[in-house]
Protein backbone atom coordinates (compact mmCIF):
# COMPACT_ATOMS: atom_id res chain seq x y z
CA MET A 1 0.00 0.00 0.00
CA MET A 2 2.82 2.42 0.93
CA LEU A 3 4.53 1.72 -2.40
CA MET A 4 1.31 2.42 -4.29
CA THR A 5 0.82 5.64 -2.30
CA HIS A 6 4.35 6.77 -3.13
CA GLU A 7 3.82 6.01 -6.82
CA ILE A 8 0.58 8.03 -6.84
CA GLN A 9 2.32 10.97 -5.17
CA GLN A 10 5.16 10.77 -7.68
CA LEU A 11 2.74 10.71 -10.60
CA MET A 12 0.92 13.75 -9.25
CA GLN A 13 4.26 15.55 -8.95
CA ASN A 14 5.33 14.56 -12.48
CA LEU A 15 1.97 15.68 -13.87
CA ARG A 16 2.30 18.99 -12.00
CA LEU A 17 -0.78 18.58 -9.85
CA PRO A 18 0.37 20.28 -6.61
CA GLY A 19 -3.12 20.94 -5.23
CA MET A 20 -4.17 17.35 -5.80
CA ARG A 21 -0.96 16.02 -4.28
CA ALA A 22 -1.25 18.22 -1.16
CA ALA A 23 -4.86 17.13 -0.64
CA TYR A 24 -3.95 13.46 -1.14
CA GLU A 25 -1.06 13.70 1.31
CA GLY A 26 -3.35 15.39 3.83
CA ILE A 27 -5.88 12.59 3.56
CA ILE A 28 -3.12 9.95 3.92
CA SER A 29 -1.58 11.65 6.97
CA ALA A 30 -5.02 11.93 8.60
CA LYS A 31 -5.57 8.23 7.85
CA ASN A 32 -8.92 9.01 6.24
CA LEU A 33 -8.34 7.27 2.92
CA HIS A 34 -10.36 4.13 3.71
CA SER A 35 -13.30 6.11 5.10
CA ILE A 36 -13.78 8.10 1.87
CA GLY A 37 -15.64 6.67 -1.10
CA ASN A 38 -14.07 6.70 -4.57
CA ASP A 39 -16.38 9.40 -5.94
CA GLU A 40 -15.87 11.60 -2.90
CA LEU A 41 -12.10 11.11 -3.03
CA LEU A 42 -11.97 12.02 -6.72
CA ASN A 43 -14.13 15.09 -6.09
CA LEU A 44 -11.89 16.24 -3.20
CA LEU A 45 -8.72 15.83 -5.24
CA LEU A 46 -10.09 17.57 -8.33
CA GLN A 47 -11.51 20.45 -6.27
CA ALA A 48 -8.18 20.87 -4.49
CA GLU A 49 -6.32 21.07 -7.80
CA TRP A 50 -8.87 23.53 -9.19
CA ASP A 51 -8.53 25.77 -6.11
CA GLU A 52 -4.73 25.60 -6.32
CA ARG A 53 -4.72 26.70 -9.95
CA GLU A 54 -7.25 29.49 -9.43
CA ASN A 55 -5.23 30.81 -6.46
CA ALA A 56 -2.05 30.70 -8.54
CA LYS A 57 -3.76 32.65 -11.34
CA ALA A 58 -5.05 35.23 -8.86
CA ASN A 59 -1.57 35.62 -7.36
CA ARG A 60 -0.09 36.18 -10.83
CA ARG A 61 -2.73 38.80 -11.54
CA LEU A 62 -1.90 40.52 -8.25
CA GLN A 63 1.81 40.52 -9.10
CA ASN A 64 1.16 41.89 -12.59
CA ALA A 65 -1.06 44.65 -11.17
CA ARG A 66 1.89 46.09 -9.21
CA PHE A 67 -0.12 47.47 -6.31
CA ARG A 68 1.83 49.59 -3.86
CA MET A 69 -0.22 48.28 -0.91
CA ARG A 70 -2.22 45.21 0.04
CA ALA A 71 -5.88 46.07 0.44
CA SER A 72 -9.21 44.27 0.72
CA MET A 73 -12.86 45.27 0.70
CA GLU A 74 -13.32 43.42 4.02
CA GLU A 75 -10.85 45.71 5.79
CA ILE A 76 -12.24 49.05 4.62
CA ASP A 77 -13.05 51.33 7.55
CA PHE A 78 -16.73 52.29 7.37
CA PHE A 79 -16.81 53.79 10.87
CA SER A 80 -14.55 56.84 10.52
CA PRO A 81 -16.62 59.85 9.40
CA ARG A 82 -15.51 60.58 5.84
CA GLY A 83 -18.71 60.48 3.79
CA LEU A 84 -18.25 56.88 2.63
CA ASP A 85 -21.52 55.17 1.73
CA LYS A 86 -21.07 51.52 2.75
CA THR A 87 -24.11 50.22 0.86
CA ARG A 88 -23.07 51.94 -2.35
CA LEU A 89 -19.45 50.80 -2.14
CA LEU A 90 -20.35 47.20 -1.41
CA ARG A 91 -22.46 47.11 -4.57
CA PHE A 92 -19.16 46.99 -6.46
CA THR A 93 -18.18 43.67 -4.87
CA ASP A 94 -20.20 41.64 -7.39
CA GLY A 95 -17.90 42.93 -10.14
CA SER A 96 -20.75 44.25 -12.27
CA PHE A 97 -18.95 47.55 -12.85
CA LEU A 98 -16.17 45.56 -14.52
CA LYS A 99 -18.58 43.48 -16.56
CA HIS A 100 -20.25 46.65 -17.85
CA ALA A 101 -16.95 48.54 -18.40
CA GLU A 102 -17.93 51.25 -15.91
CA SER A 103 -15.42 53.58 -14.29
CA ILE A 104 -15.11 54.90 -10.74
CA LEU A 105 -13.79 58.32 -9.71
CA ILE A 106 -12.63 58.64 -6.09
CA THR A 107 -11.96 62.13 -4.73
CA GLY A 108 -11.21 63.67 -1.35
CA PRO A 109 -8.49 65.34 0.71
CA THR A 110 -5.21 63.66 1.52
CA GLY A 111 -5.24 60.75 3.96
CA VAL A 112 -8.95 59.84 3.77
CA GLY A 113 -8.32 56.46 2.13
CA LYS A 114 -8.74 57.05 -1.60
CA SER A 115 -5.75 54.90 -2.55
CA TYR A 116 -6.81 52.11 -0.21
CA ILE A 117 -10.32 51.95 -1.64
CA ALA A 118 -8.98 52.02 -5.21
CA SER A 119 -6.49 49.26 -4.36
CA ALA A 120 -9.15 47.18 -2.59
CA LEU A 121 -11.34 47.35 -5.70
CA GLY A 122 -8.29 46.36 -7.75
CA HIS A 123 -7.54 43.37 -5.52
CA LEU A 124 -11.19 42.35 -5.82
CA ALA A 125 -10.96 42.52 -9.62
CA CYS A 126 -7.89 40.25 -9.55
CA GLN A 127 -9.74 37.73 -7.40
CA LEU A 128 -12.65 37.81 -9.83
CA GLY A 129 -10.35 36.94 -12.72
CA TYR A 130 -9.80 40.35 -14.29
CA LYS A 131 -6.47 41.79 -15.47
CA VAL A 132 -5.49 44.90 -13.53
CA ASN A 133 -2.75 47.55 -13.68
CA TYR A 134 -2.13 50.11 -10.93
CA PHE A 135 -0.17 53.31 -11.51
CA ILE A 136 0.62 56.54 -9.73
CA ALA A 137 -0.37 59.12 -12.35
CA GLN A 138 3.04 60.80 -12.57
CA LYS A 139 4.82 57.45 -12.89
CA LEU A 140 2.41 56.35 -15.61
CA PHE A 141 3.13 59.43 -17.72
CA ALA A 142 6.86 59.17 -17.03
CA MET A 143 6.86 55.51 -18.14
CA LEU A 144 4.98 56.37 -21.34
CA ARG A 145 7.30 59.30 -22.04
CA MET A 146 10.31 57.01 -21.72
CA SER A 147 8.62 54.45 -23.97
CA LYS A 148 8.42 57.07 -26.70
CA ALA A 149 12.19 57.46 -26.45
CA ASP A 150 12.88 53.72 -26.85
CA GLU A 151 10.09 53.19 -29.40
CA SER A 152 8.02 50.89 -27.17
CA TYR A 153 5.15 53.37 -26.76
CA ILE A 154 2.66 51.52 -28.98
CA ARG A 155 3.36 48.26 -27.13
CA GLN A 156 2.82 49.95 -23.76
CA ILE A 157 -0.42 51.60 -24.89
CA ARG A 158 -1.71 48.27 -26.20
CA LYS A 159 -0.81 46.60 -22.91
CA LEU A 160 -2.80 49.24 -21.02
CA GLU A 161 -5.72 48.81 -23.41
CA LYS A 162 -5.83 45.06 -22.69
CA GLN A 163 -6.24 45.59 -18.95
CA ASP A 164 -9.77 44.99 -17.71
CA LEU A 165 -9.16 47.59 -15.00
CA LEU A 166 -6.67 50.44 -15.02
CA ILE A 167 -6.16 52.32 -11.73
CA ILE A 168 -4.63 55.79 -11.92
CA ASP A 169 -3.83 57.06 -8.42
CA ASP A 170 -2.85 60.57 -7.24
CA PHE A 171 -4.20 62.16 -10.41
CA GLY A 172 -3.95 65.94 -10.62
CA MET A 173 -0.96 66.46 -8.32
CA GLN A 174 0.42 68.74 -11.00
CA PRO A 175 -0.96 70.17 -14.27
CA LEU A 176 -0.47 67.98 -17.34
CA ASP A 177 1.92 69.05 -20.05
CA GLU A 178 0.96 68.65 -23.70
CA MET A 179 2.46 65.17 -24.07
CA SER A 180 0.84 63.81 -20.89
CA ARG A 181 -2.47 65.37 -21.89
CA MET A 182 -2.47 63.60 -25.25
CA MET A 183 -1.37 60.32 -23.64
CA LEU A 184 -4.27 60.50 -21.20
CA LEU A 185 -6.69 61.22 -24.04
CA GLU A 186 -5.43 58.15 -25.92
CA ILE A 187 -5.75 55.94 -22.83
CA ILE A 188 -9.28 57.10 -22.03
CA GLU A 189 -10.33 56.91 -25.68
CA ASP A 190 -9.06 53.32 -25.93
CA ARG A 191 -10.90 52.27 -22.79
CA HIS A 192 -14.18 54.15 -23.29
CA GLN A 193 -17.11 51.70 -23.05
CA LYS A 194 -14.67 48.76 -23.39
CA SER A 195 -13.05 48.42 -19.98
CA SER A 196 -13.05 50.01 -16.54
CA THR A 197 -10.86 52.77 -15.12
CA ILE A 198 -10.52 53.94 -11.52
CA ILE A 199 -9.04 57.38 -10.93
CA ALA A 200 -8.25 58.66 -7.43
CA SER A 201 -7.51 62.34 -6.87
CA GLN A 202 -7.25 64.94 -4.13
CA LEU A 203 -8.96 67.40 -6.44
CA PRO A 204 -12.73 67.44 -6.93
CA VAL A 205 -13.76 66.41 -10.43
CA GLU A 206 -14.85 69.99 -11.15
CA LYS A 207 -11.18 71.05 -11.09
CA TRP A 208 -9.87 68.32 -13.41
CA HIS A 209 -10.54 70.48 -16.48
CA ASP A 210 -7.94 73.01 -15.30
CA VAL A 211 -5.40 70.29 -14.44
CA ILE A 212 -5.71 68.65 -17.85
CA GLY A 213 -5.45 72.03 -19.61
CA GLU A 214 -6.21 72.86 -23.27
CA SER A 215 -9.96 73.13 -23.30
CA THR A 216 -10.72 70.93 -26.32
CA VAL A 217 -8.67 67.98 -25.07
CA ALA A 218 -9.96 68.37 -21.51
CA ASP A 219 -13.55 68.38 -22.79
CA ALA A 220 -12.90 65.21 -24.82
CA ILE A 221 -11.35 63.37 -21.86
CA LEU A 222 -13.96 64.41 -19.32
CA ASP A 223 -16.84 63.76 -21.70
CA ARG A 224 -15.74 60.12 -22.02
CA LEU A 225 -14.83 59.73 -18.38
CA VAL A 226 -17.01 61.73 -16.02
CA HIS A 227 -20.57 61.49 -17.27
CA THR A 228 -20.75 57.67 -17.24
CA SER A 229 -18.71 57.05 -14.07
CA HIS A 230 -19.58 56.22 -10.48
CA ARG A 231 -18.42 58.91 -8.05
CA ILE A 232 -17.08 58.36 -4.54
CA GLU A 233 -16.54 61.74 -2.87
CA LEU A 234 -14.79 61.50 0.51
CA SER A 235 -14.37 64.22 3.09
CA GLY A 236 -13.07 64.73 6.60
CA GLU A 237 -9.71 64.71 8.35
CA SER A 238 -6.73 62.57 7.43
CA MET A 239 -7.14 59.06 8.83
CA ARG A 240 -3.35 58.68 8.89
CA LYS A 241 -3.03 61.71 11.17
CA LYS A 242 -5.77 60.38 13.43
CA LYS A 243 -4.11 56.98 13.76
CA LYS A 244 -0.72 58.60 14.41
CA SER A 245 -2.27 60.81 17.11
CA ILE A 246 -3.86 57.80 18.81
CA ILE A 247 -0.52 55.92 18.80
CA LEU A 248 1.34 58.92 20.26
CA LYS A 249 -1.26 59.32 23.02
CA HIS A 250 -0.77 55.70 24.06
């Protein structure tokens, strides 16, 4: 019996079935093999392998997204007063905004959790099987500017276009120059009604026109972005300052 068990484990390893092998070894070590019927055993092993592969895919999507922080919808603070509508935010957890290529604009003063909420929605998208990219706005434009220099711009733009969800964080920290403005227009144009975009900014949406600059381009970008997007408008004091104050007091 031990020889047969070893052969089965070796076959699972050779066939690259790590989830199945781990489940089988767990059943063997718990001495439950004889108490499980053949159909149930097969179901357990197949389900374990399926879960292993889905988790591996989700982890690859998380790595490719390049988030700067780990975040989850379950850990969002709904108790601190910052104008966050829990019911409305939790509606996004079914992923329907991604299915319908809808965008989300998150605004509010520094420290109120815009980046965390954007990242939590991004992590959720990865878990649901969607391809995600996260960028700080300035780094996104810097990367694209460099790609123009080494002639990889078209490849980078196509890569962005293929993402089911693009997150642009810290938008509007400084006015856009002409090149960045046209890059943003191309990105938004490519994604309009095809895939979702989340933009987080300290500035209220009403001031984005001035940040983008050049009225015609700004109108084109905002027309495609603002009017069909969900809006999350946060307010209140910096949560980071509050937490720091609490720590210092203790």
